């Protein structure tokens, strides 16, 4: 069977997406707490969000799949905010890029909080050594119930399924 480059890359992305979610959703584990500031200077403590469902997405400014995921995160925020869901976007660029991140988020009109992890404190706690975006769903008890590295075909549906399972 002959594969076109586009067909092969699409199939590869689907396989990567399926592997990245396999096994991760089976057992809940406690979400490590962190304290980070958002683009407005407000301090956020993950522990303060117990009782809420949290979608936590780690990203960087040069990551095209991260930017592809963001409109979907905004859609999730809009749809489920009234059901006590928070989307927290954690930018993992160093401090030199804060103004670039602020301009990008402002230009797109995203309303979810964008936290700055310029010292990699949360990156270390969450072992974000995978392909960004690295997205997790944390249940109302503070447990990670789903995680995924990267973004591609099918990930949005899996994320939605994970959210609905804990709302």
Protein backbone atom coordinates (compact mmCIF):
# COMPACT_ATOMS: atom_id res chain seq x y z
CA UNK A 1 0.00 0.00 0.00
CA UNK A 2 1.42 3.37 -0.98
CA UNK A 3 1.24 6.16 1.59
CA UNK A 4 1.22 9.80 0.72
CA UNK A 5 3.27 12.00 3.04
CA UNK A 6 0.09 13.68 4.31
CA UNK A 7 -1.68 10.37 4.87
CA UNK A 8 1.31 8.94 6.69
CA UNK A 9 1.70 11.99 8.95
CA UNK A 10 -2.03 11.94 9.77
CA UNK A 11 -1.90 8.24 10.63
CA UNK A 12 1.24 8.77 12.70
CA UNK A 13 -0.41 11.61 14.65
CA UNK A 14 -3.42 9.38 15.38
CA UNK A 15 -1.15 6.58 16.63
CA UNK A 16 0.85 8.98 18.82
CA UNK A 17 -2.38 10.43 20.24
CA UNK A 18 -3.70 6.97 21.05
CA UNK A 19 -0.46 5.91 22.77
CA UNK A 20 -0.20 9.12 24.73
CA UNK A 21 -3.56 8.55 26.40
CA UNK A 22 -3.25 4.78 26.84
CA UNK A 23 -2.80 3.82 30.46
CA UNK A 24 -2.81 7.38 31.73
CA UNK A 25 -6.53 7.53 32.42
CA UNK A 26 -6.68 4.19 34.24
CA UNK A 27 -5.47 5.18 37.69
CA UNK A 28 -5.95 8.53 39.34
CA UNK A 29 -2.96 10.06 41.10
CA UNK A 30 -2.77 13.20 43.25
CA UNK A 31 -2.06 16.39 41.32
CA UNK A 32 1.03 18.13 42.73
CA UNK A 33 0.23 21.56 44.12
CA UNK A 34 1.93 24.62 42.72
CA UNK A 35 1.86 28.37 43.12
CA UNK A 36 2.20 30.48 39.97
CA UNK A 37 1.33 34.00 38.89
CA UNK A 38 -0.87 34.73 35.90
CA UNK A 39 -0.36 37.38 33.23
CA UNK A 40 -2.07 39.96 35.48
CA UNK A 41 0.15 39.19 38.47
CA UNK A 42 -2.54 37.27 40.40
CA UNK A 43 -1.24 34.30 42.38
CA UNK A 44 -2.83 30.89 41.77
CA UNK A 45 -2.53 27.86 44.05
CA UNK A 46 -3.77 24.64 42.49
CA UNK A 47 -4.86 23.42 45.93
CA UNK A 48 -7.37 26.30 46.09
CA UNK A 49 -9.27 24.68 43.21
CA UNK A 50 -10.26 21.49 45.04
CA UNK A 51 -13.94 21.02 44.42
CA UNK A 52 -13.52 22.11 40.79
CA UNK A 53 -12.61 20.12 37.71
CA UNK A 54 -9.38 21.55 36.29
CA UNK A 55 -8.03 21.23 32.78
CA UNK A 56 -4.34 22.02 33.05
CA UNK A 57 -2.39 22.57 29.83
CA UNK A 58 1.36 23.20 29.65
CA UNK A 59 2.52 24.97 26.48
CA UNK A 60 5.17 27.20 24.98
CA UNK A 61 4.95 30.07 22.55
CA UNK A 62 6.81 28.36 19.69
CA UNK A 63 4.59 25.25 19.75
CA UNK A 64 2.15 25.13 16.81
CA UNK A 65 0.09 22.21 18.26
CA UNK A 66 -0.21 24.18 21.52
CA UNK A 67 -1.70 27.09 19.65
CA UNK A 68 -4.01 24.69 17.78
CA UNK A 69 -5.28 23.35 21.10
CA UNK A 70 -6.03 26.75 22.64
CA UNK A 71 -9.29 27.55 20.81
CA UNK A 72 -10.57 24.16 21.97
CA UNK A 73 -9.57 24.97 25.54
CA UNK A 74 -11.49 28.25 25.27
CA UNK A 75 -14.51 26.30 24.01
CA UNK A 76 -14.27 23.94 26.98
CA UNK A 77 -13.99 26.93 29.34
CA UNK A 78 -17.06 28.53 27.77
CA UNK A 79 -19.12 25.35 27.80
CA UNK A 80 -18.31 24.00 31.26
CA UNK A 81 -17.42 27.02 33.38
CA UNK A 82 -20.93 27.08 34.86
CA UNK A 83 -20.34 23.48 36.00
CA UNK A 84 -17.30 24.47 38.11
CA UNK A 85 -14.59 23.73 35.58
CA UNK A 86 -11.42 25.80 35.29
CA UNK A 87 -9.05 25.78 32.35
CA UNK A 88 -5.56 26.76 33.49
CA UNK A 89 -3.00 27.33 30.77
CA UNK A 90 0.60 27.16 31.98
CA UNK A 91 3.15 28.83 29.75
CA UNK A 92 6.57 27.21 30.18
CA UNK A 93 8.69 29.79 28.33
CA UNK A 94 11.29 31.71 30.30
CA UNK A 95 10.65 35.25 31.51
CA UNK A 96 12.07 36.82 28.33
CA UNK A 97 8.89 35.79 26.50
CA UNK A 98 6.28 37.09 28.97
CA UNK A 99 5.38 40.12 26.86
CA UNK A 100 5.14 37.94 23.73
CA UNK A 101 2.83 35.53 25.57
CA UNK A 102 0.72 38.42 26.89
CA UNK A 103 0.38 39.91 23.38
CA UNK A 104 -0.52 36.54 21.86
CA UNK A 105 -3.18 35.71 24.45
CA UNK A 106 -4.63 39.23 24.20
CA UNK A 107 -4.75 39.12 20.40
CA UNK A 108 -6.74 35.88 20.49
CA UNK A 109 -9.13 37.01 23.23
CA UNK A 110 -8.64 33.93 25.41
CA UNK A 111 -10.31 34.33 28.79
CA UNK A 112 -8.86 31.36 30.69
CA UNK A 113 -6.05 32.16 33.14
CA UNK A 114 -2.56 31.93 31.66
CA UNK A 115 -0.03 31.12 34.36
CA UNK A 116 3.68 31.74 33.95
CA UNK A 117 6.08 28.99 34.95
CA UNK A 118 9.26 30.92 34.18
CA UNK A 119 11.27 29.01 36.81
CA UNK A 120 9.95 25.57 35.73
CA UNK A 121 8.57 24.84 39.21
CA UNK A 122 5.37 23.21 37.91
CA UNK A 123 7.20 21.63 34.97
CA UNK A 124 9.40 19.72 37.41
CA UNK A 125 6.47 18.68 39.62
CA UNK A 126 4.45 17.42 36.64
CA UNK A 127 7.47 15.92 34.87
CA UNK A 128 6.64 17.81 31.71
CA UNK A 129 9.37 16.29 29.58
CA UNK A 130 6.95 15.23 26.89
CA UNK A 131 5.86 16.91 23.68
CA UNK A 132 3.84 20.05 24.40
CA UNK A 133 1.07 20.67 24.84
CA UNK A 134 0.91 18.46 27.90
CA UNK A 135 -2.69 18.48 29.09
CA UNK A 136 -4.26 16.96 32.19
CA UNK A 137 -7.70 16.67 33.72
CA UNK A 138 -7.85 16.94 37.51
CA UNK A 139 -11.03 15.85 39.28
CA UNK A 140 -12.82 17.64 42.11
CA UNK A 141 -10.76 15.73 44.70
CA UNK A 142 -7.47 16.93 43.22
CA UNK A 143 -6.54 13.73 41.38
CA UNK A 144 -5.16 13.51 37.85
CA UNK A 145 -7.61 11.36 35.91
CA UNK A 146 -6.37 11.93 32.35
CA UNK A 147 -3.23 13.22 30.68
CA UNK A 148 -1.98 13.57 27.17
CA UNK A 149 1.24 14.70 25.50
CA UNK A 150 0.91 16.44 22.16
CA UNK A 151 -2.16 17.41 20.18
CA UNK A 152 -3.60 15.73 17.13
CA UNK A 153 -6.63 13.97 15.70
CA UNK A 154 -8.92 12.55 18.35
CA UNK A 155 -7.38 14.31 21.34
CA UNK A 156 -10.19 16.84 21.64
CA UNK A 157 -12.79 14.04 21.83
CA UNK A 158 -10.73 12.17 24.45
CA UNK A 159 -10.33 15.32 26.52
CA UNK A 160 -14.06 15.99 26.38
CA UNK A 161 -14.80 12.39 27.40
CA UNK A 162 -12.44 12.70 30.38
CA UNK A 163 -14.06 15.97 31.47
CA UNK A 164 -17.57 14.58 31.23
CA UNK A 165 -16.54 11.54 33.28
CA UNK A 166 -15.73 13.75 36.30
CA UNK A 167 -18.21 16.62 36.00
